[in-house]
Amino acid sequence: MSRENIATVIKIIESLPDAQQERVIEHLREYILDLEDELQWDKAFQKSQSKLVAAAKLAKQQISQGQGTPMDYDRL
């Protein structure tokens, strides 16, 4: 984001009454925390994706060879 855009957002927020400024700031904080959380999940998923693909291929191979067993969802 450019400095001009940030300055525009600040001016918009500053034009609001104090109570509304606080509400906007709190919403922005929550939104930014959510974005950061999503980025962390994306990074974690990218790191594990190759392992997930390998596990799926192994499971498919075991099933095709008759070695697969149904999952017991009650034990999870």
N, C-alpha and C. Protein backbone atom coordinates (compact mmCIF):
# COMPACT_ATOMS: atom_id res chain seq x y z
N MET A 1 0.86 -1.17 0.00
CA MET A 1 0.00 0.00 0.00
C MET A 1 0.90 1.23 0.00
N SER A 2 0.51 2.18 -0.77
CA SER A 2 1.32 3.39 -0.87
C SER A 2 1.09 4.30 0.34
N ARG A 3 2.05 5.18 0.56
CA ARG A 3 1.94 6.13 1.67
C ARG A 3 0.72 7.03 1.49
N GLU A 4 0.39 7.35 0.22
CA GLU A 4 -0.78 8.20 -0.02
C GLU A 4 -2.06 7.50 0.44
N ASN A 5 -2.16 6.21 0.15
CA ASN A 5 -3.34 5.47 0.56
C ASN A 5 -3.46 5.40 2.08
N ILE A 6 -2.33 5.18 2.74
CA ILE A 6 -2.33 5.13 4.20
C ILE A 6 -2.72 6.49 4.76
N ALA A 7 -2.17 7.55 4.18
CA ALA A 7 -2.50 8.91 4.63
C ALA A 7 -3.98 9.19 4.44
N THR A 8 -4.56 8.73 3.34
CA THR A 8 -5.99 8.93 3.08
C THR A 8 -6.83 8.21 4.13
N VAL A 9 -6.46 6.98 4.45
CA VAL A 9 -7.20 6.22 5.46
C VAL A 9 -7.10 6.92 6.81
N ILE A 10 -5.93 7.41 7.14
CA ILE A 10 -5.76 8.12 8.42
C ILE A 10 -6.64 9.37 8.46
N LYS A 11 -6.67 10.11 7.35
CA LYS A 11 -7.50 11.32 7.31
C LYS A 11 -8.98 10.96 7.47
N ILE A 12 -9.40 9.89 6.84
CA ILE A 12 -10.80 9.47 6.96
C ILE A 12 -11.12 9.13 8.41
N ILE A 13 -10.23 8.36 9.03
CA ILE A 13 -10.46 7.98 10.43
C ILE A 13 -10.46 9.21 11.34
N GLU A 14 -9.52 10.12 11.10
CA GLU A 14 -9.44 11.33 11.92
C GLU A 14 -10.66 12.23 11.77
N SER A 15 -11.37 12.11 10.66
CA SER A 15 -12.55 12.94 10.45
C SER A 15 -13.76 12.43 11.25
N LEU A 16 -13.64 11.25 11.79
CA LEU A 16 -14.74 10.67 12.57
C LEU A 16 -14.70 11.16 14.01
N PRO A 17 -15.85 11.11 14.68
CA PRO A 17 -15.85 11.40 16.12
C PRO A 17 -15.00 10.36 16.87
N ASP A 18 -14.51 10.73 18.05
CA ASP A 18 -13.59 9.88 18.79
C ASP A 18 -14.11 8.45 19.01
N ALA A 19 -15.38 8.34 19.38
CA ALA A 19 -15.93 7.01 19.65
C ALA A 19 -15.89 6.13 18.40
N GLN A 20 -16.21 6.69 17.25
CA GLN A 20 -16.18 5.93 16.01
C GLN A 20 -14.74 5.62 15.60
N GLN A 21 -13.81 6.54 15.88
CA GLN A 21 -12.41 6.27 15.59
C GLN A 21 -11.95 5.02 16.35
N GLU A 22 -12.33 4.95 17.62
CA GLU A 22 -11.94 3.79 18.43
C GLU A 22 -12.54 2.50 17.87
N ARG A 23 -13.79 2.57 17.42
CA ARG A 23 -14.42 1.39 16.83
C ARG A 23 -13.70 0.95 15.57
N VAL A 24 -13.38 1.90 14.70
CA VAL A 24 -12.68 1.60 13.45
C VAL A 24 -11.31 0.99 13.75
N ILE A 25 -10.60 1.59 14.69
CA ILE A 25 -9.27 1.10 15.04
C ILE A 25 -9.35 -0.33 15.58
N GLU A 26 -10.34 -0.59 16.42
CA GLU A 26 -10.49 -1.95 16.96
C GLU A 26 -10.80 -2.95 15.84
N HIS A 27 -11.66 -2.56 14.91
CA HIS A 27 -11.97 -3.44 13.77
C HIS A 27 -10.72 -3.69 12.93
N LEU A 28 -9.94 -2.64 12.70
CA LEU A 28 -8.71 -2.80 11.92
C LEU A 28 -7.72 -3.73 12.62
N ARG A 29 -7.59 -3.60 13.93
CA ARG A 29 -6.70 -4.49 14.69
C ARG A 29 -7.13 -5.94 14.52
N GLU A 30 -8.43 -6.19 14.71
CA GLU A 30 -8.95 -7.56 14.57
C GLU A 30 -8.72 -8.09 13.16
N TYR A 31 -8.98 -7.24 12.17
CA TYR A 31 -8.82 -7.65 10.78
C TYR A 31 -7.36 -7.99 10.48
N ILE A 32 -6.44 -7.16 10.95
CA ILE A 32 -5.02 -7.41 10.71
C ILE A 32 -4.57 -8.68 11.41
N LEU A 33 -5.03 -8.92 12.64
CA LEU A 33 -4.69 -10.16 13.34
C LEU A 33 -5.21 -11.38 12.58
N ASP A 34 -6.43 -11.28 12.04
CA ASP A 34 -6.98 -12.38 11.24
C ASP A 34 -6.14 -12.62 9.99
N LEU A 35 -5.72 -11.55 9.33
CA LEU A 35 -4.88 -11.69 8.13
C LEU A 35 -3.55 -12.36 8.47
N GLU A 36 -2.94 -11.94 9.58
CA GLU A 36 -1.68 -12.55 10.00
C GLU A 36 -1.85 -14.02 10.30
N ASP A 37 -2.96 -14.37 10.94
CA ASP A 37 -3.26 -15.77 11.25
C ASP A 37 -3.41 -16.59 9.97
N GLU A 38 -4.13 -16.04 9.00
CA GLU A 38 -4.30 -16.73 7.72
C GLU A 38 -2.97 -16.93 7.01
N LEU A 39 -2.10 -15.94 7.06
CA LEU A 39 -0.77 -16.07 6.44
C LEU A 39 0.03 -17.18 7.09
N GLN A 40 -0.05 -17.29 8.42
CA GLN A 40 0.66 -18.36 9.11
C GLN A 40 0.12 -19.72 8.71
N TRP A 41 -1.21 -19.85 8.61
CA TRP A 41 -1.81 -21.11 8.18
C TRP A 41 -1.37 -21.45 6.75
N ASP A 42 -1.37 -20.46 5.88
CA ASP A 42 -0.95 -20.69 4.49
C ASP A 42 0.49 -21.20 4.44
N LYS A 43 1.38 -20.58 5.22
CA LYS A 43 2.77 -21.02 5.24
C LYS A 43 2.90 -22.44 5.77
N ALA A 44 2.17 -22.74 6.84
CA ALA A 44 2.22 -24.08 7.43
C ALA A 44 1.69 -25.12 6.44
N PHE A 45 0.62 -24.78 5.73
CA PHE A 45 0.05 -25.72 4.76
C PHE A 45 1.01 -25.94 3.60
N GLN A 46 1.65 -24.88 3.13
CA GLN A 46 2.60 -25.04 2.02
C GLN A 46 3.75 -25.94 2.41
N LYS A 47 4.21 -25.84 3.65
CA LYS A 47 5.31 -26.68 4.11
C LYS A 47 4.92 -28.15 4.19
N SER A 48 3.65 -28.42 4.48
CA SER A 48 3.22 -29.80 4.67
C SER A 48 2.56 -30.40 3.44
N GLN A 49 2.36 -29.63 2.40
CA GLN A 49 1.61 -30.11 1.24
C GLN A 49 2.28 -31.30 0.58
N SER A 50 3.59 -31.29 0.42
CA SER A 50 4.27 -32.43 -0.21
C SER A 50 4.12 -33.69 0.63
N LYS A 51 4.13 -33.54 1.95
CA LYS A 51 3.93 -34.70 2.82
C LYS A 51 2.52 -35.25 2.70
N LEU A 52 1.55 -34.35 2.57
CA LEU A 52 0.16 -34.79 2.39
C LEU A 52 -0.02 -35.54 1.08
N VAL A 53 0.61 -35.06 0.03
CA VAL A 53 0.53 -35.72 -1.28
C VAL A 53 1.16 -37.11 -1.19
N ALA A 54 2.31 -37.21 -0.54
CA ALA A 54 2.99 -38.50 -0.39
C ALA A 54 2.13 -39.47 0.42
N ALA A 55 1.52 -38.99 1.49
CA ALA A 55 0.66 -39.85 2.31
C ALA A 55 -0.56 -40.32 1.52
N ALA A 56 -1.12 -39.45 0.71
CA ALA A 56 -2.28 -39.83 -0.11
C ALA A 56 -1.90 -40.87 -1.15
N LYS A 57 -0.73 -40.71 -1.77
CA LYS A 57 -0.27 -41.69 -2.76
C LYS A 57 -0.04 -43.05 -2.10
N LEU A 58 0.57 -43.04 -0.91
CA LEU A 58 0.81 -44.28 -0.20
C LEU A 58 -0.51 -44.95 0.17
N ALA A 59 -1.46 -44.19 0.65
CA ALA A 59 -2.77 -44.75 1.01
C ALA A 59 -3.45 -45.34 -0.22
N LYS A 60 -3.39 -44.64 -1.34
CA LYS A 60 -4.00 -45.14 -2.58
C LYS A 60 -3.34 -46.45 -3.01
N GLN A 61 -2.03 -46.50 -2.91
CA GLN A 61 -1.29 -47.72 -3.27
C GLN A 61 -1.67 -48.87 -2.33
N GLN A 62 -1.73 -48.62 -1.05
CA GLN A 62 -2.08 -49.67 -0.10
C GLN A 62 -3.50 -50.17 -0.33
N ILE A 63 -4.41 -49.28 -0.63
CA ILE A 63 -5.80 -49.68 -0.91
C ILE A 63 -5.85 -50.56 -2.15
N SER A 64 -5.12 -50.16 -3.20
CA SER A 64 -5.14 -50.93 -4.44
C SER A 64 -4.51 -52.32 -4.25
N GLN A 65 -3.63 -52.46 -3.26
CA GLN A 65 -3.00 -53.74 -2.98
C GLN A 65 -3.76 -54.53 -1.91
N GLY A 66 -4.90 -54.01 -1.50
CA GLY A 66 -5.70 -54.71 -0.50
C GLY A 66 -5.17 -54.57 0.92
N GLN A 67 -4.29 -53.65 1.13
CA GLN A 67 -3.69 -53.49 2.46
C GLN A 67 -4.37 -52.39 3.28
N GLY A 68 -5.26 -51.68 2.69
CA GLY A 68 -5.90 -50.57 3.40
C GLY A 68 -6.95 -51.08 4.37
N THR A 69 -7.14 -50.35 5.45
CA THR A 69 -8.18 -50.68 6.41
C THR A 69 -9.05 -49.44 6.63
N PRO A 70 -10.35 -49.64 6.78
CA PRO A 70 -11.24 -48.49 7.02
C PRO A 70 -10.85 -47.78 8.32
N MET A 71 -11.04 -46.47 8.33
CA MET A 71 -10.75 -45.70 9.55
C MET A 71 -11.87 -45.91 10.55
N ASP A 72 -11.48 -46.01 11.80
CA ASP A 72 -12.45 -46.09 12.88
C ASP A 72 -12.65 -44.69 13.43
N TYR A 73 -13.66 -44.00 12.94
CA TYR A 73 -13.88 -42.61 13.33
C TYR A 73 -14.30 -42.47 14.78
N ASP A 74 -14.78 -43.53 15.39
CA ASP A 74 -15.16 -43.47 16.80
C ASP A 74 -13.94 -43.38 17.71
N ARG A 75 -12.78 -43.81 17.22
CA ARG A 75 -11.55 -43.79 18.03
C ARG A 75 -10.82 -42.47 17.93
N LEU A 76 -11.25 -41.60 17.04
CA LEU A 76 -10.55 -40.31 16.86
C LEU A 76 -10.82 -39.39 17.97
